[in-house]
C-alpha atoms as a PDB file:
ATOM      1  CA  MET A   1      43.478 -58.660 -35.069  1.00  0.00           C
ATOM      2  CA  HIS A   2      40.680 -61.011 -36.551  1.00  0.00           C
ATOM      3  CA  THR A   3      41.108 -61.233 -40.353  1.00  0.00           C
ATOM      4  CA  ARG A   4      38.480 -63.854 -41.489  1.00  0.00           C
ATOM      5  CA  GLY A   5      36.015 -61.005 -42.184  1.00  0.00           C
ATOM      6  CA  LEU A   6      38.636 -58.932 -43.866  1.00  0.00           C
ATOM      7  CA  MET A   7      39.512 -61.713 -46.160  1.00  0.00           C
ATOM      8  CA  SER A   8      35.988 -62.716 -46.943  1.00  0.00           C
ATOM      9  CA  ILE A   9      34.903 -59.082 -47.583  1.00  0.00           C
ATOM     10  CA  SER A  10      37.994 -58.349 -49.924  1.00  0.00           C
ATOM     11  CA  ALA A  11      37.437 -61.706 -51.741  1.00  0.00           C
ATOM     12  CA  ALA A  12      33.857 -61.022 -52.381  1.00  0.00           C
ATOM     13  CA  PHE A  13      34.634 -57.378 -53.554  1.00  0.00           C
ATOM     14  CA  LEU A  14      37.379 -58.400 -55.819  1.00  0.00           C
ATOM     15  CA  GLY A  15      35.550 -61.298 -57.215  1.00  0.00           C
ATOM     16  CA  GLY A  16      32.689 -58.875 -58.071  1.00  0.00           C
ATOM     17  CA  ILE A  17      35.057 -56.478 -59.854  1.00  0.00           C
ATOM     18  CA  GLY A  18      36.964 -59.440 -61.439  1.00  0.00           C
ATOM     19  CA  LEU A  19      33.843 -61.009 -63.011  1.00  0.00           C
ATOM     20  CA  SER A  20      32.368 -57.788 -64.233  1.00  0.00           C
ATOM     21  CA  LEU A  21      35.658 -56.716 -65.776  1.00  0.00           C
ATOM     22  CA  SER A  22      36.274 -60.055 -67.309  1.00  0.00           C
ATOM     23  CA  PHE A  23      32.739 -60.747 -68.682  1.00  0.00           C
ATOM     24  CA  LEU A  24      31.427 -57.336 -69.213  1.00  0.00           C
ATOM     25  CA  PRO A  25      34.297 -55.247 -70.140  1.00  0.00           C
ATOM     26  CA  GLN A  26      32.578 -52.930 -72.905  1.00  0.00           C
ATOM     27  CA  GLU A  27      29.604 -52.474 -70.415  1.00  0.00           C
ATOM     28  CA  THR A  28      31.945 -51.478 -67.551  1.00  0.00           C
ATOM     29  CA  LEU A  29      33.786 -49.109 -69.757  1.00  0.00           C
ATOM     30  CA  GLY A  30      30.387 -47.701 -71.026  1.00  0.00           C
ATOM     31  CA  ALA A  31      29.264 -47.134 -67.324  1.00  0.00           C
ATOM     32  CA  LEU A  32      32.486 -45.128 -66.860  1.00  0.00           C
ATOM     33  CA  GLY A  33      31.824 -42.997 -69.790  1.00  0.00           C
ATOM     34  CA  VAL A  34      34.738 -44.501 -71.554  1.00  0.00           C
ATOM     35  CA  PRO A  35      34.684 -45.510 -75.352  1.00  0.00           C
ATOM     36  CA  PRO A  36      35.286 -49.382 -75.508  1.00  0.00           C
ATOM     37  CA  LEU A  37      38.554 -49.390 -77.697  1.00  0.00           C
ATOM     38  CA  THR A  38      39.863 -52.908 -78.448  1.00  0.00           C
ATOM     39  CA  ALA A  39      43.145 -52.484 -76.588  1.00  0.00           C
ATOM     40  CA  LEU A  40      41.421 -50.960 -73.645  1.00  0.00           C
ATOM     41  CA  VAL A  41      38.856 -53.818 -73.579  1.00  0.00           C
ATOM     42  CA  ILE A  42      41.794 -56.316 -73.635  1.00  0.00           C
ATOM     43  CA  LEU A  43      43.464 -54.233 -70.714  1.00  0.00           C
ATOM     44  CA  VAL A  44      40.245 -54.187 -68.634  1.00  0.00           C
ATOM     45  CA  GLN A  45      39.711 -58.223 -69.107  1.00  0.00           C
ATOM     46  CA  VAL A  46      43.291 -58.491 -67.859  1.00  0.00           C
ATOM     47  CA  THR A  47      42.807 -56.431 -65.101  1.00  0.00           C
ATOM     48  CA  GLY A  48      39.749 -58.538 -64.218  1.00  0.00           C
ATOM     49  CA  ALA A  49      41.700 -61.653 -64.182  1.00  0.00           C
ATOM     50  CA  LEU A  50      44.062 -60.065 -61.792  1.00  0.00           C
ATOM     51  CA  CYS A  51      41.287 -59.193 -59.374  1.00  0.00           C
ATOM     52  CA  LEU A  52      40.046 -62.657 -59.764  1.00  0.00           C
ATOM     53  CA  GLY A  53      43.271 -64.087 -58.721  1.00  0.00           C
ATOM     54  CA  PHE A  54      43.425 -62.068 -55.632  1.00  0.00           C
ATOM     55  CA  ALA A  55      39.816 -62.849 -54.868  1.00  0.00           C
ATOM     56  CA  ILE A  56      40.378 -66.750 -54.957  1.00  0.00           C
ATOM     57  CA  MET A  57      43.793 -66.254 -52.982  1.00  0.00           C
ATOM     58  CA  ASN A  58      41.965 -64.197 -50.243  1.00  0.00           C
ATOM     59  CA  TRP A  59      39.081 -66.543 -50.076  1.00  0.00           C
ATOM     60  CA  MET A  60      41.179 -69.574 -49.885  1.00  0.00           C
ATOM     61  CA  ALA A  61      43.425 -67.912 -47.158  1.00  0.00           C
ATOM     62  CA  ARG A  62      40.709 -66.489 -45.069  1.00  0.00           C
ATOM     63  CA  GLY A  63      41.388 -68.945 -42.044  1.00  0.00           C
ATOM     64  CA  VAL A  64      45.095 -68.193 -42.121  1.00  0.00           C
ATOM     65  CA  LEU A  65      46.493 -66.448 -39.130  1.00  0.00           C
ATOM     66  CA  MET A  66      47.700 -63.163 -40.391  1.00  0.00           C
ATOM     67  CA  GLY A  67      49.568 -60.270 -38.986  1.00  0.00           C
ATOM     68  CA  GLY A  68      53.118 -59.492 -37.762  1.00  0.00           C
ATOM     69  CA  ILE A  69      55.404 -62.053 -39.365  1.00  0.00           C
ATOM     70  CA  TYR A  70      52.470 -64.667 -40.267  1.00  0.00           C
ATOM     71  CA  SER A  71      51.454 -64.642 -43.886  1.00  0.00           C
ATOM     72  CA  ARG A  72      53.284 -61.416 -44.499  1.00  0.00           C
ATOM     73  CA  PRO A  73      53.516 -61.928 -48.171  1.00  0.00           C
ATOM     74  CA  LEU A  74      49.689 -62.154 -48.384  1.00  0.00           C
ATOM     75  CA  ALA A  75      49.167 -59.178 -46.196  1.00  0.00           C
ATOM     76  CA  ILE A  76      51.751 -56.888 -48.003  1.00  0.00           C
ATOM     77  CA  GLY A  77      50.539 -58.126 -51.367  1.00  0.00           C
ATOM     78  CA  ASN A  78      47.000 -57.062 -50.638  1.00  0.00           C
ATOM     79  CA  PHE A  79      47.945 -53.910 -48.807  1.00  0.00           C
ATOM     80  CA  LEU A  80      50.000 -52.908 -51.812  1.00  0.00           C
ATOM     81  CA  HIS A  81      47.175 -53.725 -54.292  1.00  0.00           C
ATOM     82  CA  PHE A  82      44.402 -51.758 -52.225  1.00  0.00           C
ATOM     83  CA  ALA A  83      46.632 -48.757 -51.363  1.00  0.00           C
ATOM     84  CA  VAL A  84      47.952 -48.193 -54.831  1.00  0.00           C
ATOM     85  CA  VAL A  85      44.584 -48.606 -56.565  1.00  0.00           C
ATOM     86  CA  ALA A  86      42.917 -46.213 -53.855  1.00  0.00           C
ATOM     87  CA  VAL A  87      45.652 -43.672 -54.419  1.00  0.00           C
ATOM     88  CA  THR A  88      45.143 -44.026 -58.208  1.00  0.00           C
ATOM     89  CA  LEU A  89      41.366 -43.806 -57.931  1.00  0.00           C
ATOM     90  CA  LEU A  90      41.553 -40.731 -55.355  1.00  0.00           C
ATOM     91  CA  LYS A  91      43.835 -38.934 -57.929  1.00  0.00           C
ATOM     92  CA  THR A  92      41.565 -39.347 -60.780  1.00  0.00           C
ATOM     93  CA  MET A  93      38.402 -38.795 -59.217  1.00  0.00           C
ATOM     94  CA  THR A  94      37.850 -35.350 -60.540  1.00  0.00           C
ATOM     95  CA  ALA A  95      38.410 -36.335 -64.121  1.00  0.00           C
ATOM     96  CA  LEU A  96      35.923 -39.357 -63.855  1.00  0.00           C
ATOM     97  CA  ASP A  97      33.669 -38.182 -61.292  1.00  0.00           C
ATOM     98  CA  THR A  98      30.861 -41.059 -61.314  1.00  0.00           C
ATOM     99  CA  ILE A  99      29.015 -42.498 -58.243  1.00  0.00           C
ATOM    100  CA  LEU A 100      30.441 -45.822 -59.319  1.00  0.00           C
ATOM    101  CA  LEU A 101      34.013 -44.560 -59.182  1.00  0.00           C
ATOM    102  CA  VAL A 102      33.469 -42.808 -55.853  1.00  0.00           C
ATOM    103  CA  ALA A 103      31.998 -45.976 -54.340  1.00  0.00           C
ATOM    104  CA  VAL A 104      34.862 -48.300 -55.534  1.00  0.00           C
ATOM    105  CA  ALA A 105      37.567 -45.529 -54.266  1.00  0.00           C
ATOM    106  CA  ALA A 106      35.826 -45.530 -50.981  1.00  0.00           C
ATOM    107  CA  VAL A 107      35.866 -49.358 -50.657  1.00  0.00           C
ATOM    108  CA  TYR A 108      39.485 -49.611 -51.903  1.00  0.00           C
ATOM    109  CA  THR A 109      40.567 -46.986 -49.233  1.00  0.00           C
ATOM    110  CA  VAL A 110      38.814 -48.844 -46.446  1.00  0.00           C
ATOM    111  CA  LEU A 111      40.379 -52.019 -47.399  1.00  0.00           C
ATOM    112  CA  ALA A 112      43.913 -50.477 -47.663  1.00  0.00           C
ATOM    113  CA  ALA A 113      43.717 -49.124 -44.286  1.00  0.00           C
ATOM    114  CA  TRP A 114      42.342 -52.362 -43.004  1.00  0.00           C
ATOM    115  CA  PHE A 115      45.005 -54.499 -44.598  1.00  0.00           C
ATOM    116  CA  GLY A 116      47.850 -51.843 -43.361  1.00  0.00           C
ATOM    117  CA  LEU A 117      46.538 -52.383 -39.921  1.00  0.00           C
ATOM    118  CA  VAL A 118      46.680 -56.022 -40.120  1.00  0.00           C
ATOM    119  CA  LEU A 119      50.312 -55.686 -41.738  1.00  0.00           C
ATOM    120  CA  PHE A 120      51.639 -53.775 -38.803  1.00  0.00           C
ATOM    121  CA  THR A 121      49.894 -55.283 -35.806  1.00  0.00           C
ATOM    122  CA  SER A 122      50.357 -58.635 -34.024  1.00  0.00           C
ATOM    123  CA  PRO A 123      47.880 -61.480 -35.104  1.00  0.00           C
ATOM    124  CA  VAL A 124      45.175 -62.669 -32.752  1.00  0.00           C
ATOM    125  CA  ARG A 125      44.126 -66.476 -32.561  1.00  0.00           C
ATOM    126  CA  ASP A 126      40.532 -67.522 -31.839  1.00  0.00           C
ATOM    127  CA  ARG A 127      39.826 -69.977 -28.959  1.00  0.00           C
ATOM    128  CA  ASP A 128      39.092 -72.680 -31.743  1.00  0.00           C
ATOM    129  CA  GLY A 129      42.551 -72.231 -33.337  1.00  0.00           C
ATOM    130  CA  GLY A 130      41.528 -70.161 -36.353  1.00  0.00           C
ATOM    131  CA  SER A 131      42.528 -66.600 -37.088  1.00  0.00           C
ATOM    132  CA  GLY A 132      39.056 -64.947 -36.828  1.00  0.00           C
END
């Protein structure tokens, strides 16, 4: 499976989330209809930093051969992150039913499935030696 696109898409998606959570925590909470309490703002900023960490890791590893036993820690870390967040968002969707939350949950679900596919299939190397 070719993974360059997956790693680039996930890096851009997580980078966008990370930047908004890190630098616009009150505005992000307001868009979700949640009051910007101080402890919650700090938790949102920490979550943004985690997303930025995953984003830069995925961006820098976008040319790495993934799948099977190759780059397994990278694949399983991404799969776990996207799967757990997808399940969490899908569980809470009725409580905070906003179009933003539905869109983010959909993207997380697709990326969780894609990383799951990468994790449990054999890698494909391109003709030029890259992973896709």
